[in-house]
Amino acid sequence: MTFRWYGENVDSISLKYIHQIPGVEGIVWALHDIPAGECWPINRIEEIKTQISKYNLKIDVVESVNVHEDIKLGLPSRRMYIDNYKNTLKNLAKVGVKVVCYNFMPIFDWVRTDLYKAQPDGSSTLFYEKARLDNISPFKFLEHMSREKALFTMPGWEPERLSKIRELFKAYEKVKEVHLWENLKYFLNEVIPVAQENNIKMAIHPDDPPWTIFGLPRLITSRDNIRKFLGLFNNPSNGLTLCSGSLGACEKNNIPEIIHEFGNRIYFAHIRNIRRFENGDFLETSHKTSDGSLDIAEIVRAYYNIGYKYYIRPDHGRHIWDEKSKPGYGLYDRALGIMYIWGLYDAFRKVQS
């Protein structure tokens, strides 16, 4: 079990508190201040390792080493950024990193329309309102979301990236899904051999949500597309981050079935529940099965039944008990989610014995 942490003087949660959550053995981390495309210096990586190791926590999983837009666009400059990516993997291997999560989503890593949607019980949560996105330009949307100051501290929404939003949309005008697949394949052909040489598993994150946003192509959206992705470079170092909340936003995606089919290539599991609405909206809930649309008990059972041996984190949580935190990344609800997952694991183990 792992827990995502954004770093000292950045995250409101201390490693001391994370260490107190039962069964948490590792921290999911990154050098969030380094722009996509730059090589991560070994001294900075070792600094993070020192901080985390003080609490006897492992640093096996990085989320994310972001992919520069020029790579996704297939521009000639991608050569330099891919070389930097390879060198980052080599540096991460030196400190024992085993899994690197990343994504191939154009421009936006993930999209929500409300970061702190108030709930009847006094909590708040991340919310996606389909109609708002269907009837607004990306530029107007960013203008609206600019009021959410916390957004710009989140991966994928860095100010330096968004300052170029108009030119990025212009660059993607002629990039169709087929081109994005070609550019992803090029990236895999270059990076996966280096990952394998350094005993690192690359784990692509699904698109969040798993459908087209603002006309931008999306790839990792379904069971069929996952199968296609793994076939682009069929190698044990080419794998998945299976995020139940991302894929589960689409009712057609049966998460337990996906786990059973691709279990040996799922190197990182994000377990999260959401509640889907008929109009296409969705709301992030507690991990409890009955609170959302996803059967978290069956999802955990699927991991248990395949003898899953890699890394899990509770993914997002609600904001509860008046906690002030990054959107979706408070301490309390994620810790509750971990204990829910552990409870399910213990129950399945007990029944089997």
Protein backbone atom coordinates (compact mmCIF):
# COMPACT_ATOMS: atom_id res chain seq x y z
CA MET A 1 0.00 0.00 0.00
CA THR A 2 1.25 3.46 -0.93
CA PHE A 3 0.21 7.08 -0.38
CA ARG A 4 0.73 10.03 -2.69
CA TRP A 5 2.74 12.92 -1.25
CA TYR A 6 3.65 16.22 -2.90
CA GLY A 7 6.75 17.04 -0.90
CA GLU A 8 7.98 19.05 2.06
CA ASN A 9 6.68 22.63 2.28
CA VAL A 10 4.22 21.83 -0.53
CA ASP A 11 1.92 19.14 0.84
CA SER A 12 -0.22 19.96 3.88
CA ILE A 13 0.32 16.37 5.07
CA SER A 14 3.55 15.35 6.77
CA LEU A 15 5.36 12.07 6.28
CA LYS A 16 5.01 11.57 10.03
CA TYR A 17 1.22 11.31 9.67
CA ILE A 18 1.37 9.12 6.58
CA HIS A 19 3.67 6.73 8.42
CA GLN A 20 0.96 6.27 11.04
CA ILE A 21 -1.61 4.87 8.56
CA PRO A 22 -1.70 1.08 9.06
CA GLY A 23 -0.11 -0.91 6.27
CA VAL A 24 1.34 2.00 4.28
CA GLU A 25 4.82 0.99 3.17
CA GLY A 26 5.65 3.47 0.43
CA ILE A 27 5.32 7.02 -0.82
CA VAL A 28 4.24 7.91 -4.34
CA TRP A 29 6.25 11.00 -5.21
CA ALA A 30 7.64 13.22 -7.95
CA LEU A 31 9.72 16.34 -8.50
CA HIS A 32 6.71 18.48 -9.32
CA ASP A 33 8.65 21.70 -9.70
CA ILE A 34 10.69 20.42 -12.64
CA PRO A 35 8.92 21.21 -15.94
CA ALA A 36 7.97 18.40 -18.29
CA GLY A 37 10.82 17.56 -20.62
CA GLU A 38 13.69 18.40 -18.28
CA CYS A 39 15.96 15.74 -16.81
CA TRP A 40 15.54 15.10 -13.08
CA PRO A 41 18.90 15.73 -11.35
CA ILE A 42 20.22 12.86 -9.26
CA ASN A 43 20.92 15.14 -6.27
CA ARG A 44 17.26 16.20 -6.13
CA ILE A 45 16.14 12.58 -6.38
CA GLU A 46 18.48 11.56 -3.57
CA GLU A 47 17.20 14.44 -1.44
CA ILE A 48 13.64 13.07 -1.70
CA LYS A 49 14.86 9.57 -0.90
CA THR A 50 16.54 10.84 2.26
CA GLN A 51 13.38 12.62 3.41
CA ILE A 52 11.16 9.60 2.86
CA SER A 53 13.60 7.01 4.19
CA LYS A 54 13.65 8.74 7.60
CA TYR A 55 10.19 7.24 8.16
CA ASN A 56 11.12 3.77 6.87
CA LEU A 57 8.95 4.32 3.80
CA LYS A 58 9.89 3.16 0.32
CA ILE A 59 10.21 5.33 -2.79
CA ASP A 60 9.48 2.59 -5.36
CA VAL A 61 6.75 4.48 -7.27
CA VAL A 62 6.99 7.82 -9.05
CA GLU A 63 3.87 9.65 -10.25
CA SER A 64 4.49 11.18 -12.66
CA VAL A 65 7.39 11.78 -15.00
CA ASN A 66 5.36 13.95 -17.34
CA VAL A 67 5.67 13.63 -21.10
CA HIS A 68 6.45 16.87 -22.95
CA GLU A 69 3.78 18.06 -25.39
CA ASP A 70 6.30 18.03 -28.26
CA ILE A 71 6.53 14.24 -27.84
CA LYS A 72 2.75 13.88 -28.01
CA LEU A 73 2.66 16.19 -31.02
CA GLY A 74 5.44 14.27 -32.78
CA LEU A 75 7.57 17.38 -33.37
CA PRO A 76 11.27 17.12 -34.34
CA SER A 77 12.18 18.54 -30.92
CA ARG A 78 10.82 15.37 -29.28
CA ARG A 79 14.26 13.79 -29.72
CA MET A 80 15.77 16.04 -27.04
CA TYR A 81 12.87 15.55 -24.64
CA ILE A 82 12.93 11.77 -25.05
CA ASP A 83 16.66 11.72 -24.32
CA ASN A 84 15.97 13.71 -21.14
CA TYR A 85 13.23 11.22 -20.24
CA LYS A 86 15.62 8.29 -20.65
CA ASN A 87 18.23 9.98 -18.45
CA THR A 88 15.59 10.63 -15.81
CA LEU A 89 14.71 6.92 -15.79
CA LYS A 90 18.38 6.03 -15.37
CA ASN A 91 18.68 8.42 -12.43
CA LEU A 92 15.53 7.06 -10.80
CA ALA A 93 16.85 3.52 -11.13
CA LYS A 94 19.95 4.50 -9.16
CA VAL A 95 17.83 5.03 -6.03
CA GLY A 96 15.69 1.93 -6.51
CA VAL A 97 12.56 3.25 -8.24
CA LYS A 98 10.63 0.34 -9.71
CA VAL A 99 7.48 1.88 -11.27
CA VAL A 100 6.98 5.13 -13.17
CA CYS A 101 3.43 6.33 -13.78
CA TYR A 102 2.83 8.71 -16.67
CA ASN A 103 0.08 9.66 -19.11
CA PHE A 104 -0.29 10.63 -22.76
CA MET A 105 -3.23 13.04 -22.48
CA PRO A 106 -2.95 16.13 -24.68
CA ILE A 107 -2.72 19.47 -22.81
CA PHE A 108 -4.92 18.56 -19.81
CA ASP A 109 -3.90 15.67 -17.55
CA TRP A 110 -7.37 15.53 -16.01
CA VAL A 111 -10.48 17.70 -15.93
CA ARG A 112 -13.04 18.57 -13.27
CA THR A 113 -15.46 21.51 -13.17
CA ASP A 114 -15.57 21.90 -9.38
CA LEU A 115 -12.70 21.10 -7.01
CA TYR A 116 -14.66 21.50 -3.78
CA LYS A 117 -18.28 20.61 -4.55
CA ALA A 118 -20.23 20.97 -1.32
CA GLN A 119 -22.05 17.84 -0.11
CA PRO A 120 -25.10 17.51 2.17
CA ASP A 121 -23.01 16.03 4.99
CA GLY A 122 -20.69 19.06 5.10
CA SER A 123 -17.83 17.50 3.15
CA SER A 124 -16.73 18.58 -0.32
CA THR A 125 -15.39 16.70 -3.30
CA LEU A 126 -14.24 16.81 -6.92
CA PHE A 127 -17.09 17.09 -9.44
CA TYR A 128 -17.41 16.84 -13.24
CA GLU A 129 -20.34 18.60 -14.91
CA LYS A 130 -20.64 17.44 -18.50
CA ALA A 131 -22.98 20.17 -19.76
CA ARG A 132 -20.62 22.90 -18.60
CA LEU A 133 -17.74 21.46 -20.64
CA ASP A 134 -19.94 20.71 -23.64
CA ASN A 135 -20.99 24.34 -23.92
CA ILE A 136 -17.82 26.27 -23.21
CA SER A 137 -14.54 26.91 -25.01
CA PRO A 138 -11.36 25.69 -23.29
CA PHE A 139 -10.26 29.30 -22.89
CA LYS A 140 -13.47 30.31 -21.14
CA PHE A 141 -13.23 27.18 -19.03
CA LEU A 142 -9.71 28.12 -17.91
CA GLU A 143 -10.90 31.64 -17.15
CA HIS A 144 -13.61 30.17 -14.94
CA MET A 145 -11.26 27.70 -13.24
CA SER A 146 -8.65 30.39 -12.61
CA ARG A 147 -10.72 31.32 -9.55
CA GLU A 148 -9.79 27.93 -8.12
CA LYS A 149 -6.29 28.88 -6.97
CA ALA A 150 -5.61 25.35 -5.69
CA LEU A 151 -5.92 24.01 -9.25
CA PHE A 152 -2.62 25.52 -10.32
CA THR A 153 -0.71 23.62 -7.66
CA MET A 154 -1.85 20.32 -9.21
CA PRO A 155 0.08 18.20 -11.73
CA GLY A 156 -1.12 18.80 -15.26
CA TRP A 157 -2.30 22.33 -14.49
CA GLU A 158 1.05 24.06 -14.07
CA PRO A 159 0.90 27.81 -14.89
CA GLU A 160 3.83 27.55 -17.32
CA ARG A 161 1.92 24.94 -19.34
CA LEU A 162 -1.39 26.79 -19.28
CA SER A 163 0.23 30.09 -20.25
CA LYS A 164 0.72 28.51 -23.69
CA ILE A 165 -2.80 27.12 -23.94
CA ARG A 166 -3.80 28.90 -27.16
CA GLU A 167 -0.69 27.86 -29.06
CA LEU A 168 -1.07 24.30 -27.77
CA PHE A 169 -4.63 24.05 -29.09
CA LYS A 170 -3.41 25.47 -32.38
CA ALA A 171 -0.69 22.81 -32.52
CA TYR A 172 -3.21 20.03 -31.89
CA GLU A 173 -5.65 21.16 -34.60
CA LYS A 174 -4.38 18.59 -37.11
CA VAL A 175 -3.54 15.85 -34.59
CA LYS A 176 -6.13 13.10 -34.81
CA GLU A 177 -6.38 9.96 -32.71
CA VAL A 178 -4.39 7.95 -35.26
CA HIS A 179 -1.52 10.45 -35.06
CA LEU A 180 -1.50 10.36 -31.27
CA TRP A 181 -1.29 6.55 -31.38
CA GLU A 182 1.69 6.83 -33.75
CA ASN A 183 3.43 9.32 -31.47
CA LEU A 184 2.79 7.14 -28.43
CA LYS A 185 4.26 4.14 -30.24
CA TYR A 186 7.37 6.16 -31.12
CA PHE A 187 7.75 7.14 -27.46
CA LEU A 188 7.37 3.53 -26.29
CA ASN A 189 9.88 2.25 -28.84
CA GLU A 190 12.43 4.69 -27.46
CA VAL A 191 11.72 4.53 -23.74
CA ILE A 192 10.66 0.97 -22.90
CA PRO A 193 14.05 -0.62 -23.73
CA VAL A 194 15.73 1.86 -21.38
CA ALA A 195 13.16 1.14 -18.68
CA GLN A 196 13.75 -2.60 -19.07
CA GLU A 197 17.53 -2.19 -18.87
CA ASN A 198 17.04 -0.32 -15.59
CA ASN A 199 14.43 -2.68 -14.07
CA ILE A 200 11.67 -0.07 -14.21
CA LYS A 201 8.05 -0.79 -15.11
CA MET A 202 6.38 1.98 -17.09
CA ALA A 203 2.70 2.31 -16.13
CA ILE A 204 0.50 4.51 -18.31
CA HIS A 205 -2.46 6.18 -16.58
CA PRO A 206 -5.90 6.13 -18.29
CA ASP A 207 -7.36 9.33 -19.64
CA ASP A 208 -9.42 11.16 -17.04
CA PRO A 209 -12.24 11.25 -17.95
CA PRO A 210 -12.08 8.54 -20.65
CA TRP A 211 -13.59 10.52 -23.50
CA THR A 212 -12.75 13.43 -25.78
CA ILE A 213 -12.41 16.83 -24.09
CA PHE A 214 -12.54 20.05 -26.16
CA GLY A 215 -12.04 17.98 -29.33
CA LEU A 216 -8.67 16.65 -28.18
CA PRO A 217 -7.98 12.98 -28.96
CA ARG A 218 -7.84 10.48 -26.08
CA LEU A 219 -6.34 6.99 -26.16
CA ILE A 220 -6.38 5.04 -22.89
CA THR A 221 -10.15 5.02 -22.51
CA SER A 222 -11.41 1.44 -22.72
CA ARG A 223 -10.59 -2.26 -22.52
CA ASP A 224 -10.08 -2.46 -26.28
CA ASN A 225 -7.74 0.52 -26.27
CA ILE A 226 -5.74 -0.90 -23.38
CA ARG A 227 -5.29 -4.08 -25.38
CA LYS A 228 -4.17 -2.01 -28.37
CA PHE A 229 -1.76 -0.03 -26.21
CA LEU A 230 -0.07 -3.10 -24.76
CA GLY A 231 0.33 -4.44 -28.29
CA LEU A 232 2.20 -1.34 -29.45
CA PHE A 233 5.29 -2.58 -27.60
CA ASN A 234 4.69 -6.01 -26.13
CA ASN A 235 7.21 -6.04 -23.33
CA PRO A 236 6.92 -6.70 -19.57
CA SER A 237 8.22 -3.17 -18.87
CA ASN A 238 5.29 -1.67 -20.77
CA GLY A 239 2.31 -1.71 -18.43
CA LEU A 240 -0.61 0.06 -16.82
CA THR A 241 -1.68 2.23 -13.97
CA LEU A 242 -5.26 1.01 -13.58
CA CYS A 243 -7.31 3.87 -12.15
CA SER A 244 -10.81 2.66 -11.29
CA GLY A 245 -12.18 6.18 -11.02
CA SER A 246 -10.85 7.33 -14.39
CA LEU A 247 -12.01 4.34 -16.44
CA GLY A 248 -15.09 3.86 -14.26
CA ALA A 249 -16.50 7.22 -15.30
CA CYS A 250 -17.64 5.36 -18.42
CA GLU A 251 -20.26 2.74 -17.53
CA LYS A 252 -19.06 0.42 -20.31
CA ASN A 253 -15.73 -0.11 -18.55
CA ASN A 254 -16.05 -3.16 -16.30
CA ILE A 255 -13.12 -2.71 -13.92
CA PRO A 256 -13.01 -6.25 -12.42
CA GLU A 257 -12.98 -7.74 -15.93
CA ILE A 258 -10.18 -5.39 -16.97
CA ILE A 259 -8.19 -6.44 -13.89
CA HIS A 260 -8.60 -10.11 -14.73
CA GLU A 261 -7.54 -9.63 -18.35
CA PHE A 262 -4.53 -7.38 -17.81
CA GLY A 263 -3.58 -8.17 -14.21
CA ASN A 264 -0.02 -9.22 -14.99
CA ARG A 265 0.62 -5.84 -16.67
CA ILE A 266 -0.99 -3.66 -13.99
CA TYR A 267 1.96 -2.32 -12.03
CA PHE A 268 0.12 0.41 -10.16
CA ALA A 269 -3.50 0.39 -8.98
CA HIS A 270 -5.49 3.52 -8.11
CA ILE A 271 -8.63 2.55 -6.21
CA ARG A 272 -11.32 5.23 -6.14
CA ASN A 273 -15.11 5.33 -6.21
CA ILE A 274 -17.31 7.74 -8.16
CA ARG A 275 -21.03 8.26 -8.54
CA ARG A 276 -22.17 8.53 -12.15
CA PHE A 277 -25.28 10.44 -13.18
CA GLU A 278 -27.46 9.79 -16.23
CA ASN A 279 -26.63 13.21 -17.72
CA GLY A 280 -22.90 12.36 -17.86
CA ASP A 281 -21.87 14.11 -14.65
CA PHE A 282 -19.86 12.29 -12.01
CA LEU A 283 -18.88 12.96 -8.42
CA GLU A 284 -16.02 11.50 -6.42
CA THR A 285 -17.25 9.70 -3.30
CA SER A 286 -15.85 7.78 -0.38
CA HIS A 287 -14.37 4.38 -1.21
CA LYS A 288 -17.41 2.58 0.24
CA THR A 289 -19.13 0.58 -2.50
CA SER A 290 -22.66 1.78 -1.66
CA ASP A 291 -21.62 5.44 -1.85
CA GLY A 292 -20.80 5.32 -5.54
CA SER A 293 -21.41 3.56 -8.85
CA LEU A 294 -18.34 1.31 -8.71
CA ASP A 295 -18.31 -1.97 -6.82
CA ILE A 296 -15.11 -1.39 -4.89
CA ALA A 297 -15.57 -4.71 -3.08
CA GLU A 298 -15.53 -6.57 -6.43
CA ILE A 299 -12.59 -4.50 -7.64
CA VAL A 300 -10.56 -5.41 -4.55
CA ARG A 301 -11.74 -9.03 -4.86
CA ALA A 302 -10.40 -9.09 -8.43
CA TYR A 303 -6.98 -7.92 -7.27
CA TYR A 304 -7.08 -10.47 -4.45
CA ASN A 305 -8.08 -13.32 -6.77
CA ILE A 306 -5.25 -12.69 -9.24
CA GLY A 307 -2.71 -12.54 -6.41
CA TYR A 308 -1.84 -8.93 -7.19
CA LYS A 309 1.72 -8.21 -6.04
CA TYR A 310 2.45 -4.67 -7.16
CA TYR A 311 1.47 -1.24 -5.80
CA ILE A 312 -1.88 0.21 -4.69
CA ARG A 313 -2.88 3.66 -3.52
CA PRO A 314 -6.30 4.92 -2.42
CA ASP A 315 -6.28 7.68 -5.04
CA HIS A 316 -8.52 10.68 -4.34
CA GLY A 317 -10.61 11.36 -1.27
CA ARG A 318 -13.25 13.81 -0.17
CA HIS A 319 -12.38 16.82 1.98
CA ILE A 320 -13.78 15.98 5.42
CA TRP A 321 -13.59 17.18 9.03
CA ASP A 322 -12.74 20.73 7.89
CA GLU A 323 -9.37 19.67 6.52
CA LYS A 324 -7.64 22.14 4.19
CA SER A 325 -5.75 20.31 1.46
CA LYS A 326 -5.02 20.01 -2.23
CA PRO A 327 -8.16 19.02 -4.18
CA GLY A 328 -8.74 15.30 -3.63
CA TYR A 329 -5.57 14.86 -1.62
CA GLY A 330 -6.41 15.28 2.04
CA LEU A 331 -5.20 12.92 4.74
CA TYR A 332 -8.39 11.78 6.43
CA ASP A 333 -10.58 10.38 3.65
CA ARG A 334 -7.69 8.70 1.88
CA ALA A 335 -6.68 7.08 5.16
CA LEU A 336 -10.26 5.88 5.59
CA GLY A 337 -10.09 4.52 2.04
CA ILE A 338 -6.97 2.55 2.89
CA MET A 339 -8.65 0.98 5.90
CA TYR A 340 -11.69 0.08 3.76
CA ILE A 341 -9.41 -1.63 1.24
CA TRP A 342 -7.52 -3.46 4.01
CA GLY A 343 -10.81 -4.57 5.53
CA LEU A 344 -11.89 -6.08 2.23
CA TYR A 345 -8.56 -7.84 1.79
CA ASP A 346 -8.74 -9.26 5.31
CA ALA A 347 -12.31 -10.47 4.72
CA PHE A 348 -11.41 -12.23 1.45
CA ARG A 349 -8.39 -13.83 3.09
CA LYS A 350 -10.49 -15.01 6.04
CA VAL A 351 -13.18 -16.49 3.80
CA GLN A 352 -10.61 -18.30 1.67
CA SER A 353 -8.90 -19.82 4.69
